């Protein structure tokens, strides 16, 4: 999924692993039928006042469709 977005292209797998390891919160969504990763976001936070949400992405095949809690 990281290689599909313009701002994440070219990131090396080892670097992505370090990025994930050093993030405070990781959020992932998967398709329950296929186990495909369809959404991702990460958060850096002090757990008191601030949180920075980064690298929010949704698989292209799941964009613009009604799924889950937010139907159109």
Foldseek 3Di string as FASTA:
>chain_A
DQCVDPVRNPDDPVNVVVVVVPFPDKDWDADPVPRHTFWIWTWHDPVPPDIDIDDTDGHPVPPPAADDPDGD
